Amino acid sequence: MTPRHSGRVVTCSPAESRARRDQARAFLDVAELVLTEDRREAHVAAALAVLAGVAAADAICGFSLGKWSRGQDHAQAASLLGEVSLKDLTLPSKLRRLLADKDAAHYSSSLITLEKG
């Protein structure tokens, strides 16, 4: 039996990749629903957008490479995305930028507003 884990990268099946893709879509759909001028809702939309981006990157890597990052090191997820043959070569840097905002979106007591986006 081949181990599923190699460092913090794990293998995944096409079915798992489809599920992750569907999660990404759901996060984004809900983010779009709650996005309004209200500060609290803009903050929630930003947090959901980060989750959508991570799930989308997982799905892309899963479909293309048969593996995805499962560690706390988000730079590894962006590096893994860079291994994929992408039409948009800026996706890894866009993921890095999105992940740089993860802390503020998920853990900060300061609310994200539309002006900060």
PDB file of N, CA and C in Angstrom:
ATOM      1  N   MET A   1       0.841  -1.185   0.000  1.00  0.00           N
ATOM      2  CA  MET A   1       0.000   0.000   0.000  1.00  0.00           C
ATOM      3  C   MET A   1       0.879   1.239   0.000  1.00  0.00           C
ATOM      4  N   THR A   2       0.623   2.147  -0.916  1.00  0.00           N
ATOM      5  CA  THR A   2       1.386   3.385  -1.026  1.00  0.00           C
ATOM      6  C   THR A   2       0.862   4.385  -0.004  1.00  0.00           C
ATOM      7  N   PRO A   3       1.752   5.027   0.773  1.00  0.00           N
ATOM      8  CA  PRO A   3       1.267   6.013   1.739  1.00  0.00           C
ATOM      9  C   PRO A   3       0.639   7.204   1.028  1.00  0.00           C
ATOM     10  N   ARG A   4      -0.440   7.723   1.609  1.00  0.00           N
ATOM     11  CA  ARG A   4      -1.123   8.892   1.048  1.00  0.00           C
ATOM     12  C   ARG A   4      -0.354  10.175   1.306  1.00  0.00           C
ATOM     13  N   HIS A   5       0.496  10.185   2.313  1.00  0.00           N
ATOM     14  CA  HIS A   5       1.138  11.428   2.725  1.00  0.00           C
ATOM     15  C   HIS A   5       2.590  11.491   2.268  1.00  0.00           C
ATOM     16  N   SER A   6       2.981  12.631   1.782  1.00  0.00           N
ATOM     17  CA  SER A   6       4.365  12.948   1.476  1.00  0.00           C
ATOM     18  C   SER A   6       4.593  14.348   2.013  1.00  0.00           C
ATOM     19  N   GLY A   7       5.155  14.443   3.217  1.00  0.00           N
ATOM     20  CA  GLY A   7       5.238  15.748   3.868  1.00  0.00           C
ATOM     21  C   GLY A   7       3.842  16.218   4.193  1.00  0.00           C
ATOM     22  N   ARG A   8       3.510  17.420   3.771  1.00  0.00           N
ATOM     23  CA  ARG A   8       2.171  17.952   4.018  1.00  0.00           C
ATOM     24  C   ARG A   8       1.344  17.970   2.735  1.00  0.00           C
ATOM     25  N   VAL A   9       1.739  17.180   1.769  1.00  0.00           N
ATOM     26  CA  VAL A   9       0.989  17.039   0.522  1.00  0.00           C
ATOM     27  C   VAL A   9       0.393  15.642   0.522  1.00  0.00           C
ATOM     28  N   VAL A  10      -0.887  15.541   0.198  1.00  0.00           N
ATOM     29  CA  VAL A  10      -1.556  14.243   0.177  1.00  0.00           C
ATOM     30  C   VAL A  10      -2.138  13.984  -1.204  1.00  0.00           C
ATOM     31  N   THR A  11      -2.215  12.715  -1.540  1.00  0.00           N
ATOM     32  CA  THR A  11      -2.848  12.352  -2.804  1.00  0.00           C
ATOM     33  C   THR A  11      -4.359  12.483  -2.652  1.00  0.00           C
ATOM     34  N   CYS A  12      -5.019  12.665  -3.763  1.00  0.00           N
ATOM     35  CA  CYS A  12      -6.472  12.780  -3.746  1.00  0.00           C
ATOM     36  C   CYS A  12      -7.039  12.174  -5.021  1.00  0.00           C
ATOM     37  N   SER A  13      -8.272  11.791  -4.948  1.00  0.00           N
ATOM     38  CA  SER A  13      -8.954  11.170  -6.080  1.00  0.00           C
ATOM     39  C   SER A  13      -9.690  12.229  -6.905  1.00  0.00           C
ATOM     40  N   PRO A  14     -10.084  11.877  -8.120  1.00  0.00           N
ATOM     41  CA  PRO A  14     -10.920  12.804  -8.900  1.00  0.00           C
ATOM     42  C   PRO A  14     -12.224  13.155  -8.173  1.00  0.00           C
ATOM     43  N   ALA A  15     -12.807  12.195  -7.463  1.00  0.00           N
ATOM     44  CA  ALA A  15     -14.050  12.474  -6.719  1.00  0.00           C
ATOM     45  C   ALA A  15     -13.793  13.494  -5.609  1.00  0.00           C
ATOM     46  N   GLU A  16     -12.667  13.378  -4.914  1.00  0.00           N
ATOM     47  CA  GLU A  16     -12.331  14.353  -3.873  1.00  0.00           C
ATOM     48  C   GLU A  16     -12.080  15.719  -4.489  1.00  0.00           C
ATOM     49  N   SER A  17     -11.455  15.744  -5.660  1.00  0.00           N
ATOM     50  CA  SER A  17     -11.199  17.015  -6.348  1.00  0.00           C
ATOM     51  C   SER A  17     -12.510  17.669  -6.767  1.00  0.00           C
ATOM     52  N   ARG A  18     -13.457  16.878  -7.259  1.00  0.00           N
ATOM     53  CA  ARG A  18     -14.771  17.424  -7.623  1.00  0.00           C
ATOM     54  C   ARG A  18     -15.473  17.986  -6.391  1.00  0.00           C
ATOM     55  N   ALA A  19     -15.390  17.269  -5.274  1.00  0.00           N
ATOM     56  CA  ALA A  19     -16.018  17.753  -4.042  1.00  0.00           C
ATOM     57  C   ALA A  19     -15.395  19.073  -3.607  1.00  0.00           C
ATOM     58  N   ARG A  20     -14.072  19.181  -3.715  1.00  0.00           N
ATOM     59  CA  ARG A  20     -13.392  20.420  -3.323  1.00  0.00           C
ATOM     60  C   ARG A  20     -13.779  21.561  -4.264  1.00  0.00           C
ATOM     61  N   ARG A  21     -13.910  21.247  -5.565  1.00  0.00           N
ATOM     62  CA  ARG A  21     -14.371  22.248  -6.541  1.00  0.00           C
ATOM     63  C   ARG A  21     -15.773  22.738  -6.171  1.00  0.00           C
ATOM     64  N   ASP A  22     -16.643  21.806  -5.814  1.00  0.00           N
ATOM     65  CA  ASP A  22     -18.007  22.169  -5.438  1.00  0.00           C
ATOM     66  C   ASP A  22     -18.030  23.013  -4.166  1.00  0.00           C
ATOM     67  N   GLN A  23     -17.128  22.718  -3.226  1.00  0.00           N
ATOM     68  CA  GLN A  23     -17.025  23.536  -2.012  1.00  0.00           C
ATOM     69  C   GLN A  23     -16.577  24.947  -2.371  1.00  0.00           C
ATOM     70  N   ALA A  24     -15.616  25.060  -3.281  1.00  0.00           N
ATOM     71  CA  ALA A  24     -15.138  26.381  -3.704  1.00  0.00           C
ATOM     72  C   ALA A  24     -16.291  27.193  -4.284  1.00  0.00           C
ATOM     73  N   ARG A  25     -17.070  26.571  -5.129  1.00  0.00           N
ATOM     74  CA  ARG A  25     -18.211  27.259  -5.745  1.00  0.00           C
ATOM     75  C   ARG A  25     -19.218  27.693  -4.685  1.00  0.00           C
ATOM     76  N   ALA A  26     -19.483  26.815  -3.710  1.00  0.00           N
ATOM     77  CA  ALA A  26     -20.441  27.137  -2.649  1.00  0.00           C
ATOM     78  C   ALA A  26     -19.945  28.307  -1.795  1.00  0.00           C
ATOM     79  N   PHE A  27     -18.655  28.304  -1.431  1.00  0.00           N
ATOM     80  CA  PHE A  27     -18.095  29.419  -0.659  1.00  0.00           C
ATOM     81  C   PHE A  27     -18.260  30.726  -1.430  1.00  0.00           C
ATOM     82  N   LEU A  28     -17.949  30.692  -2.719  1.00  0.00           N
ATOM     83  CA  LEU A  28     -18.045  31.904  -3.532  1.00  0.00           C
ATOM     84  C   LEU A  28     -19.490  32.350  -3.703  1.00  0.00           C
ATOM     85  N   ASP A  29     -20.394  31.410  -3.925  1.00  0.00           N
ATOM     86  CA  ASP A  29     -21.811  31.759  -4.064  1.00  0.00           C
ATOM     87  C   ASP A  29     -22.333  32.457  -2.812  1.00  0.00           C
ATOM     88  N   VAL A  30     -22.003  31.921  -1.654  1.00  0.00           N
ATOM     89  CA  VAL A  30     -22.476  32.519  -0.397  1.00  0.00           C
ATOM     90  C   VAL A  30     -21.805  33.880  -0.173  1.00  0.00           C
ATOM     91  N   ALA A  31     -20.513  33.981  -0.515  1.00  0.00           N
ATOM     92  CA  ALA A  31     -19.826  35.276  -0.381  1.00  0.00           C
ATOM     93  C   ALA A  31     -20.534  36.345  -1.209  1.00  0.00           C
ATOM     94  N   GLU A  32     -20.916  35.988  -2.412  1.00  0.00           N
ATOM     95  CA  GLU A  32     -21.616  36.947  -3.267  1.00  0.00           C
ATOM     96  C   GLU A  32     -22.989  37.304  -2.714  1.00  0.00           C
ATOM     97  N   LEU A  33     -23.648  36.353  -2.066  1.00  0.00           N
ATOM     98  CA  LEU A  33     -24.966  36.618  -1.475  1.00  0.00           C
ATOM     99  C   LEU A  33     -24.898  37.598  -0.316  1.00  0.00           C
ATOM    100  N   VAL A  34     -23.851  37.488   0.498  1.00  0.00           N
ATOM    101  CA  VAL A  34     -23.787  38.321   1.707  1.00  0.00           C
ATOM    102  C   VAL A  34     -23.059  39.642   1.497  1.00  0.00           C
ATOM    103  N   LEU A  35     -22.456  39.824   0.337  1.00  0.00           N
ATOM    104  CA  LEU A  35     -21.694  41.048   0.099  1.00  0.00           C
ATOM    105  C   LEU A  35     -22.631  42.240  -0.093  1.00  0.00           C
ATOM    106  N   THR A  36     -22.571  43.144   0.859  1.00  0.00           N
ATOM    107  CA  THR A  36     -23.361  44.378   0.809  1.00  0.00           C
ATOM    108  C   THR A  36     -22.513  45.501   1.376  1.00  0.00           C
ATOM    109  N   GLU A  37     -23.097  46.648   1.508  1.00  0.00           N
ATOM    110  CA  GLU A  37     -22.408  47.790   2.093  1.00  0.00           C
ATOM    111  C   GLU A  37     -22.172  47.622   3.588  1.00  0.00           C
ATOM    112  N   ASP A  38     -22.901  46.745   4.223  1.00  0.00           N
ATOM    113  CA  ASP A  38     -22.765  46.530   5.668  1.00  0.00           C
ATOM    114  C   ASP A  38     -21.384  45.975   5.987  1.00  0.00           C
ATOM    115  N   ARG A  39     -20.708  46.555   6.939  1.00  0.00           N
ATOM    116  CA  ARG A  39     -19.342  46.151   7.279  1.00  0.00           C
ATOM    117  C   ARG A  39     -19.247  44.693   7.678  1.00  0.00           C
ATOM    118  N   ARG A  40     -20.142  44.220   8.493  1.00  0.00           N
ATOM    119  CA  ARG A  40     -20.070  42.830   8.944  1.00  0.00           C
ATOM    120  C   ARG A  40     -20.217  41.870   7.772  1.00  0.00           C
ATOM    121  N   GLU A  41     -21.124  42.174   6.892  1.00  0.00           N
ATOM    122  CA  GLU A  41     -21.330  41.284   5.772  1.00  0.00           C
ATOM    123  C   GLU A  41     -20.156  41.325   4.788  1.00  0.00           C
ATOM    124  N   ALA A  42     -19.528  42.466   4.613  1.00  0.00           N
ATOM    125  CA  ALA A  42     -18.349  42.542   3.754  1.00  0.00           C
ATOM    126  C   ALA A  42     -17.222  41.704   4.345  1.00  0.00           C
ATOM    127  N   HIS A  43     -17.094  41.739   5.662  1.00  0.00           N
ATOM    128  CA  HIS A  43     -16.062  40.953   6.330  1.00  0.00           C
ATOM    129  C   HIS A  43     -16.325  39.458   6.138  1.00  0.00           C
ATOM    130  N   VAL A  44     -17.552  39.028   6.285  1.00  0.00           N
ATOM    131  CA  VAL A  44     -17.916  37.626   6.087  1.00  0.00           C
ATOM    132  C   VAL A  44     -17.652  37.218   4.638  1.00  0.00           C
ATOM    133  N   ALA A  45     -17.994  38.082   3.701  1.00  0.00           N
ATOM    134  CA  ALA A  45     -17.751  37.785   2.289  1.00  0.00           C
ATOM    135  C   ALA A  45     -16.259  37.615   2.021  1.00  0.00           C
ATOM    136  N   ALA A  46     -15.431  38.441   2.641  1.00  0.00           N
ATOM    137  CA  ALA A  46     -13.980  38.319   2.459  1.00  0.00           C
ATOM    138  C   ALA A  46     -13.471  36.996   3.019  1.00  0.00           C
ATOM    139  N   ALA A  47     -13.956  36.611   4.194  1.00  0.00           N
ATOM    140  CA  ALA A  47     -13.541  35.342   4.797  1.00  0.00           C
ATOM    141  C   ALA A  47     -13.945  34.168   3.913  1.00  0.00           C
ATOM    142  N   LEU A  48     -15.148  34.231   3.373  1.00  0.00           N
ATOM    143  CA  LEU A  48     -15.609  33.161   2.485  1.00  0.00           C
ATOM    144  C   LEU A  48     -14.825  33.149   1.167  1.00  0.00           C
ATOM    145  N   ALA A  49     -14.439  34.318   0.690  1.00  0.00           N
ATOM    146  CA  ALA A  49     -13.649  34.389  -0.546  1.00  0.00           C
ATOM    147  C   ALA A  49     -12.289  33.723  -0.366  1.00  0.00           C
ATOM    148  N   VAL A  50     -11.681  33.882   0.804  1.00  0.00           N
ATOM    149  CA  VAL A  50     -10.411  33.214   1.083  1.00  0.00           C
ATOM    150  C   VAL A  50     -10.620  31.705   1.046  1.00  0.00           C
ATOM    151  N   LEU A  51     -11.671  31.232   1.703  1.00  0.00           N
ATOM    152  CA  LEU A  51     -11.955  29.790   1.696  1.00  0.00           C
ATOM    153  C   LEU A  51     -12.222  29.290   0.278  1.00  0.00           C
ATOM    154  N   ALA A  52     -12.909  30.085  -0.515  1.00  0.00           N
ATOM    155  CA  ALA A  52     -13.186  29.706  -1.900  1.00  0.00           C
ATOM    156  C   ALA A  52     -11.897  29.586  -2.705  1.00  0.00           C
ATOM    157  N   GLY A  53     -10.993  30.534  -2.519  1.00  0.00           N
ATOM    158  CA  GLY A  53      -9.717  30.496  -3.242  1.00  0.00           C
ATOM    159  C   GLY A  53      -8.879  29.292  -2.876  1.00  0.00           C
ATOM    160  N   VAL A  54      -8.831  28.964  -1.598  1.00  0.00           N
ATOM    161  CA  VAL A  54      -8.062  27.802  -1.139  1.00  0.00           C
ATOM    162  C   VAL A  54      -8.680  26.526  -1.710  1.00  0.00           C
ATOM    163  N   ALA A  55      -9.999  26.413  -1.625  1.00  0.00           N
ATOM    164  CA  ALA A  55     -10.671  25.220  -2.143  1.00  0.00           C
ATOM    165  C   ALA A  55     -10.489  25.096  -3.655  1.00  0.00           C
ATOM    166  N   ALA A  56     -10.537  26.216  -4.364  1.00  0.00           N
ATOM    167  CA  ALA A  56     -10.338  26.192  -5.815  1.00  0.00           C
ATOM    168  C   ALA A  56      -8.919  25.745  -6.160  1.00  0.00           C
ATOM    169  N   ALA A  57      -7.934  26.249  -5.439  1.00  0.00           N
ATOM    170  CA  ALA A  57      -6.547  25.832  -5.670  1.00  0.00           C
ATOM    171  C   ALA A  57      -6.392  24.340  -5.395  1.00  0.00           C
ATOM    172  N   ASP A  58      -7.018  23.856  -4.318  1.00  0.00           N
ATOM    173  CA  ASP A  58      -6.979  22.426  -4.024  1.00  0.00           C
ATOM    174  C   ASP A  58      -7.567  21.624  -5.177  1.00  0.00           C
ATOM    175  N   ALA A  59      -8.708  22.068  -5.684  1.00  0.00           N
ATOM    176  CA  ALA A  59      -9.361  21.352  -6.785  1.00  0.00           C
ATOM    177  C   ALA A  59      -8.489  21.337  -8.032  1.00  0.00           C
ATOM    178  N   ILE A  60      -7.892  22.472  -8.358  1.00  0.00           N
ATOM    179  CA  ILE A  60      -7.022  22.541  -9.540  1.00  0.00           C
ATOM    180  C   ILE A  60      -5.853  21.582  -9.389  1.00  0.00           C
ATOM    181  N   CYS A  61      -5.208  21.613  -8.235  1.00  0.00           N
ATOM    182  CA  CYS A  61      -4.071  20.719  -7.999  1.00  0.00           C
ATOM    183  C   CYS A  61      -4.524  19.259  -7.996  1.00  0.00           C
ATOM    184  N   GLY A  62      -5.666  19.004  -7.386  1.00  0.00           N
ATOM    185  CA  GLY A  62      -6.181  17.641  -7.341  1.00  0.00           C
ATOM    186  C   GLY A  62      -6.464  17.090  -8.715  1.00  0.00           C
ATOM    187  N   PHE A  63      -7.146  17.862  -9.537  1.00  0.00           N
ATOM    188  CA  PHE A  63      -7.459  17.414 -10.894  1.00  0.00           C
ATOM    189  C   PHE A  63      -6.200  17.252 -11.742  1.00  0.00           C
ATOM    190  N   SER A  64      -5.269  18.186 -11.609  1.00  0.00           N
ATOM    191  CA  SER A  64      -4.088  18.200 -12.483  1.00  0.00           C
ATOM    192  C   SER A  64      -2.950  17.319 -11.999  1.00  0.00           C
ATOM    193  N   LEU A  65      -2.744  17.281 -10.685  1.00  0.00           N
ATOM    194  CA  LEU A  65      -1.576  16.595 -10.134  1.00  0.00           C
ATOM    195  C   LEU A  65      -1.921  15.347  -9.326  1.00  0.00           C
ATOM    196  N   GLY A  66      -3.196  15.206  -8.961  1.00  0.00           N
ATOM    197  CA  GLY A  66      -3.601  14.082  -8.125  1.00  0.00           C
ATOM    198  C   GLY A  66      -3.177  14.232  -6.676  1.00  0.00           C
ATOM    199  N   LYS A  67      -2.889  15.476  -6.280  1.00  0.00           N
ATOM    200  CA  LYS A  67      -2.471  15.748  -4.899  1.00  0.00           C
ATOM    201  C   LYS A  67      -2.768  17.203  -4.582  1.00  0.00           C
ATOM    202  N   TRP A  68      -2.795  17.499  -3.277  1.00  0.00           N
ATOM    203  CA  TRP A  68      -2.978  18.875  -2.822  1.00  0.00           C
ATOM    204  C   TRP A  68      -2.307  19.057  -1.486  1.00  0.00           C
ATOM    205  N   SER A  69      -2.111  20.305  -1.104  1.00  0.00           N
ATOM    206  CA  SER A  69      -1.436  20.637   0.137  1.00  0.00           C
ATOM    207  C   SER A  69      -2.418  20.539   1.295  1.00  0.00           C
ATOM    208  N   ARG A  70      -1.973  19.962   2.388  1.00  0.00           N
ATOM    209  CA  ARG A  70      -2.811  19.833   3.568  1.00  0.00           C
ATOM    210  C   ARG A  70      -2.132  20.393   4.812  1.00  0.00           C
ATOM    211  N   GLY A  71      -1.088  21.159   4.639  1.00  0.00           N
ATOM    212  CA  GLY A  71      -0.367  21.688   5.785  1.00  0.00           C
ATOM    213  C   GLY A  71      -0.783  23.094   6.137  1.00  0.00           C
ATOM    214  N   GLN A  72      -0.226  23.583   7.219  1.00  0.00           N
ATOM    215  CA  GLN A  72      -0.460  24.959   7.655  1.00  0.00           C
ATOM    216  C   GLN A  72       0.342  25.948   6.820  1.00  0.00           C
ATOM    217  N   ASP A  73       1.337  25.468   6.098  1.00  0.00           N
ATOM    218  CA  ASP A  73       2.185  26.323   5.279  1.00  0.00           C
ATOM    219  C   ASP A  73       1.477  26.627   3.963  1.00  0.00           C
ATOM    220  N   HIS A  74       0.819  27.761   3.908  1.00  0.00           N
ATOM    221  CA  HIS A  74       0.059  28.110   2.712  1.00  0.00           C
ATOM    222  C   HIS A  74       0.961  28.400   1.520  1.00  0.00           C
ATOM    223  N   ALA A  75       2.208  28.742   1.772  1.00  0.00           N
ATOM    224  CA  ALA A  75       3.142  28.956   0.662  1.00  0.00           C
ATOM    225  C   ALA A  75       3.320  27.662  -0.119  1.00  0.00           C
ATOM    226  N   GLN A  76       3.237  26.537   0.579  1.00  0.00           N
ATOM    227  CA  GLN A  76       3.352  25.244  -0.095  1.00  0.00           C
ATOM    228  C   GLN A  76       2.185  25.036  -1.070  1.00  0.00           C
ATOM    229  N   ALA A  77       0.993  25.457  -0.687  1.00  0.00           N
ATOM    230  CA  ALA A  77      -0.163  25.328  -1.577  1.00  0.00           C
ATOM    231  C   ALA A  77       0.038  26.164  -2.845  1.00  0.00           C
ATOM    232  N   ALA A  78       0.562  27.362  -2.690  1.00  0.00           N
ATOM    233  CA  ALA A  78       0.817  28.221  -3.857  1.00  0.00           C
ATOM    234  C   ALA A  78       1.929  27.630  -4.723  1.00  0.00           C
ATOM    235  N   SER A  79       2.948  27.066  -4.102  1.00  0.00           N
ATOM    236  CA  SER A  79       4.028  26.431  -4.862  1.00  0.00           C
ATOM    237  C   SER A  79       3.504  25.228  -5.632  1.00  0.00           C
ATOM    238  N   LEU A  80       2.668  24.447  -4.990  1.00  0.00           N
ATOM    239  CA  LEU A  80       2.083  23.281  -5.654  1.00  0.00           C
ATOM    240  C   LEU A  80       1.225  23.720  -6.833  1.00  0.00           C
ATOM    241  N   LEU A  81       0.474  24.797  -6.662  1.00  0.00           N
ATOM    242  CA  LEU A  81      -0.328  25.336  -7.759  1.00  0.00           C
ATOM    243  C   LEU A  81       0.579  25.754  -8.919  1.00  0.00           C
ATOM    244  N   GLY A  82       1.784  26.216  -8.601  1.00  0.00           N
ATOM    245  CA  GLY A  82       2.738  26.593  -9.635  1.00  0.00           C
ATOM    246  C   GLY A  82       3.245  25.422 -10.461  1.00  0.00           C
ATOM    247  N   GLU A  83       3.067  24.204  -9.970  1.00  0.00           N
ATOM    248  CA  GLU A  83       3.463  23.006 -10.718  1.00  0.00           C
ATOM    249  C   GLU A  83       2.452  22.632 -11.794  1.00  0.00           C
ATOM    250  N   VAL A  84       1.263  23.206 -11.727  1.00  0.00           N
ATOM    251  CA  VAL A  84       0.206  22.897 -12.678  1.00  0.00           C
ATOM    252  C   VAL A  84       0.425  23.701 -13.953  1.00  0.00           C
ATOM    253  N   SER A  85       0.162  23.079 -15.091  1.00  0.00           N
ATOM    254  CA  SER A  85       0.226  23.782 -16.361  1.00  0.00           C
ATOM    255  C   SER A  85      -1.047  24.629 -16.487  1.00  0.00           C
ATOM    256  N   LEU A  86      -0.902  25.918 -16.228  1.00  0.00           N
ATOM    257  CA  LEU A  86      -2.048  26.824 -16.151  1.00  0.00           C
ATOM    258  C   LEU A  86      -2.104  27.763 -17.347  1.00  0.00           C
ATOM    259  N   LYS A  87      -3.314  28.082 -17.776  1.00  0.00           N
ATOM    260  CA  LYS A  87      -3.471  29.125 -18.797  1.00  0.00           C
ATOM    261  C   LYS A  87      -3.131  30.481 -18.199  1.00  0.00           C
ATOM    262  N   ASP A  88      -3.549  30.697 -16.954  1.00  0.00           N
ATOM    263  CA  ASP A  88      -3.274  31.950 -16.246  1.00  0.00           C
ATOM    264  C   ASP A  88      -2.096  31.707 -15.302  1.00  0.00           C
ATOM    265  N   LEU A  89      -0.923  32.100 -15.707  1.00  0.00           N
ATOM    266  CA  LEU A  89       0.288  31.857 -14.921  1.00  0.00           C
ATOM    267  C   LEU A  89       0.356  32.716 -13.659  1.00  0.00           C
ATOM    268  N   THR A  90      -0.572  33.655 -13.520  1.00  0.00           N
ATOM    269  CA  THR A  90      -0.571  34.513 -12.327  1.00  0.00           C
ATOM    270  C   THR A  90      -1.358  33.896 -11.164  1.00  0.00           C
ATOM    271  N   LEU A  91      -2.001  32.747 -11.365  1.00  0.00           N
ATOM    272  CA  LEU A  91      -2.812  32.157 -10.291  1.00  0.00           C
ATOM    273  C   LEU A  91      -2.029  31.892  -9.009  1.00  0.00           C
ATOM    274  N   PRO A  92      -0.815  31.340  -9.073  1.00  0.00           N
ATOM    275  CA  PRO A  92      -0.089  31.149  -7.806  1.00  0.00           C
ATOM    276  C   PRO A  92       0.151  32.457  -7.055  1.00  0.00           C
ATOM    277  N   SER A  93       0.503  33.534  -7.763  1.00  0.00           N
ATOM    278  CA  SER A  93       0.721  34.809  -7.070  1.00  0.00           C
ATOM    279  C   SER A  93      -0.597  35.384  -6.558  1.00  0.00           C
ATOM    280  N   LYS A  94      -1.684  35.168  -7.283  1.00  0.00           N
ATOM    281  CA  LYS A  94      -2.995  35.616  -6.802  1.00  0.00           C
ATOM    282  C   LYS A  94      -3.389  34.852  -5.544  1.00  0.00           C
ATOM    283  N   LEU A  95      -3.088  33.547  -5.505  1.00  0.00           N
ATOM    284  CA  LEU A  95      -3.373  32.768  -4.302  1.00  0.00           C
ATOM    285  C   LEU A  95      -2.538  33.277  -3.135  1.00  0.00           C
ATOM    286  N   ARG A  96      -1.267  33.579  -3.370  1.00  0.00           N
ATOM    287  CA  ARG A  96      -0.419  34.124  -2.301  1.00  0.00           C
ATOM    288  C   ARG A  96      -0.999  35.431  -1.748  1.00  0.00           C
ATOM    289  N   ARG A  97      -1.476  36.286  -2.648  1.00  0.00           N
ATOM    290  CA  ARG A  97      -2.062  37.559  -2.224  1.00  0.00           C
ATOM    291  C   ARG A  97      -3.335  37.325  -1.404  1.00  0.00           C
ATOM    292  N   LEU A  98      -4.150  36.393  -1.844  1.00  0.00           N
ATOM    293  CA  LEU A  98      -5.366  36.059  -1.113  1.00  0.00           C
ATOM    294  C   LEU A  98      -5.032  35.493   0.265  1.00  0.00           C
ATOM    295  N   LEU A  99      -4.053  34.618   0.313  1.00  0.00           N
ATOM    296  CA  LEU A  99      -3.659  34.010   1.588  1.00  0.00           C
ATOM    297  C   LEU A  99      -3.029  35.027   2.536  1.00  0.00           C
ATOM    298  N   ALA A 100      -2.421  36.063   1.984  1.00  0.00           N
ATOM    299  CA  ALA A 100      -1.855  37.115   2.833  1.00  0.00           C
ATOM    300  C   ALA A 100      -2.958  37.840   3.596  1.00  0.00           C
ATOM    301  N   ASP A 101      -4.175  37.822   3.067  1.00  0.00           N
ATOM    302  CA  ASP A 101      -5.316  38.464   3.722  1.00  0.00           C
ATOM    303  C   ASP A 101      -6.103  37.509   4.607  1.00  0.00           C
ATOM    304  N   LYS A 102      -5.705  36.232   4.637  1.00  0.00           N
ATOM    305  CA  LYS A 102      -6.435  35.231   5.412  1.00  0.00           C
ATOM    306  C   LYS A 102      -6.516  35.593   6.893  1.00  0.00           C
ATOM    307  N   ASP A 103      -5.411  35.998   7.465  1.00  0.00           N
ATOM    308  CA  ASP A 103      -5.396  36.315   8.890  1.00  0.00           C
ATOM    309  C   ASP A 103      -6.394  37.427   9.208  1.00  0.00           C
ATOM    310  N   ALA A 104      -6.372  38.477   8.415  1.00  0.00           N
ATOM    311  CA  ALA A 104      -7.296  39.592   8.650  1.00  0.00           C
ATOM    312  C   ALA A 104      -8.743  39.156   8.449  1.00  0.00           C
ATOM    313  N   ALA A 105      -8.984  38.323   7.459  1.00  0.00           N
ATOM    314  CA  ALA A 105     -10.358  37.906   7.162  1.00  0.00           C
ATOM    315  C   ALA A 105     -10.906  36.929   8.194  1.00  0.00           C
ATOM    316  N   HIS A 106     -10.050  36.094   8.744  1.00  0.00           N
ATOM    317  CA  HIS A 106     -10.539  35.039   9.634  1.00  0.00           C
ATOM    318  C   HIS A 106     -10.329  35.306  11.115  1.00  0.00           C
ATOM    319  N   TYR A 107      -9.334  36.093  11.485  1.00  0.00           N
ATOM    320  CA  TYR A 107      -8.981  36.186  12.893  1.00  0.00           C
ATOM    321  C   TYR A 107      -8.928  37.591  13.470  1.00  0.00           C
ATOM    322  N   SER A 108      -8.938  38.607  12.643  1.00  0.00           N
ATOM    323  CA  SER A 108      -8.795  39.970  13.127  1.00  0.00           C
ATOM    324  C   SER A 108     -10.100  40.499  13.723  1.00  0.00           C
ATOM    325  N   SER A 109      -9.966  41.308  14.755  1.00  0.00           N
ATOM    326  CA  SER A 109     -11.153  41.961  15.316  1.00  0.00           C
ATOM    327  C   SER A 109     -11.531  43.187  14.491  1.00  0.00           C
ATOM    328  N   SER A 110     -10.648  43.636  13.605  1.00  0.00           N
ATOM    329  CA  SER A 110     -10.953  44.762  12.720  1.00  0.00           C
ATOM    330  C   SER A 110     -11.736  44.237  11.515  1.00  0.00           C
ATOM    331  N   LEU A 111     -12.876  44.826  11.287  1.00  0.00           N
ATOM    332  CA  LEU A 111     -13.705  44.355  10.182  1.00  0.00           C
ATOM    333  C   LEU A 111     -13.164  44.827   8.844  1.00  0.00           C
ATOM    334  N   ILE A 112     -13.217  43.944   7.876  1.00  0.00           N
ATOM    335  CA  ILE A 112     -12.869  44.291   6.497  1.00  0.00           C
ATOM    336  C   ILE A 112     -14.061  44.999   5.883  1.00  0.00           C
ATOM    337  N   THR A 113     -13.784  46.060   5.163  1.00  0.00           N
ATOM    338  CA  THR A 113     -14.860  46.803   4.514  1.00  0.00           C
ATOM    339  C   THR A 113     -14.666  46.742   3.006  1.00  0.00           C
ATOM    340  N   LEU A 114     -15.645  47.202   2.294  1.00  0.00           N
ATOM    341  CA  LEU A 114     -15.536  47.226   0.836  1.00  0.00           C
ATOM    342  C   LEU A 114     -14.386  48.111   0.386  1.00  0.00           C
ATOM    343  N   GLU A 115     -14.085  49.163   1.142  1.00  0.00           N
ATOM    344  CA  GLU A 115     -12.995  50.059   0.784  1.00  0.00           C
ATOM    345  C   GLU A 115     -11.634  49.365   0.901  1.00  0.00           C
ATOM    346  N   LYS A 116     -11.506  48.387   1.809  1.00  0.00           N
ATOM    347  CA  LYS A 116     -10.242  47.668   1.969  1.00  0.00           C
ATOM    348  C   LYS A 116     -10.034  46.650   0.870  1.00  0.00           C
ATOM    349  N   GLY A 117     -11.112  46.216   0.199  1.00  0.00           N
ATOM    350  CA  GLY A 117     -11.017  45.169  -0.818  1.00  0.00           C
ATOM    351  C   GLY A 117     -10.464  45.694  -2.028  1.00  0.00           C
TER     352      GLY A 117
END
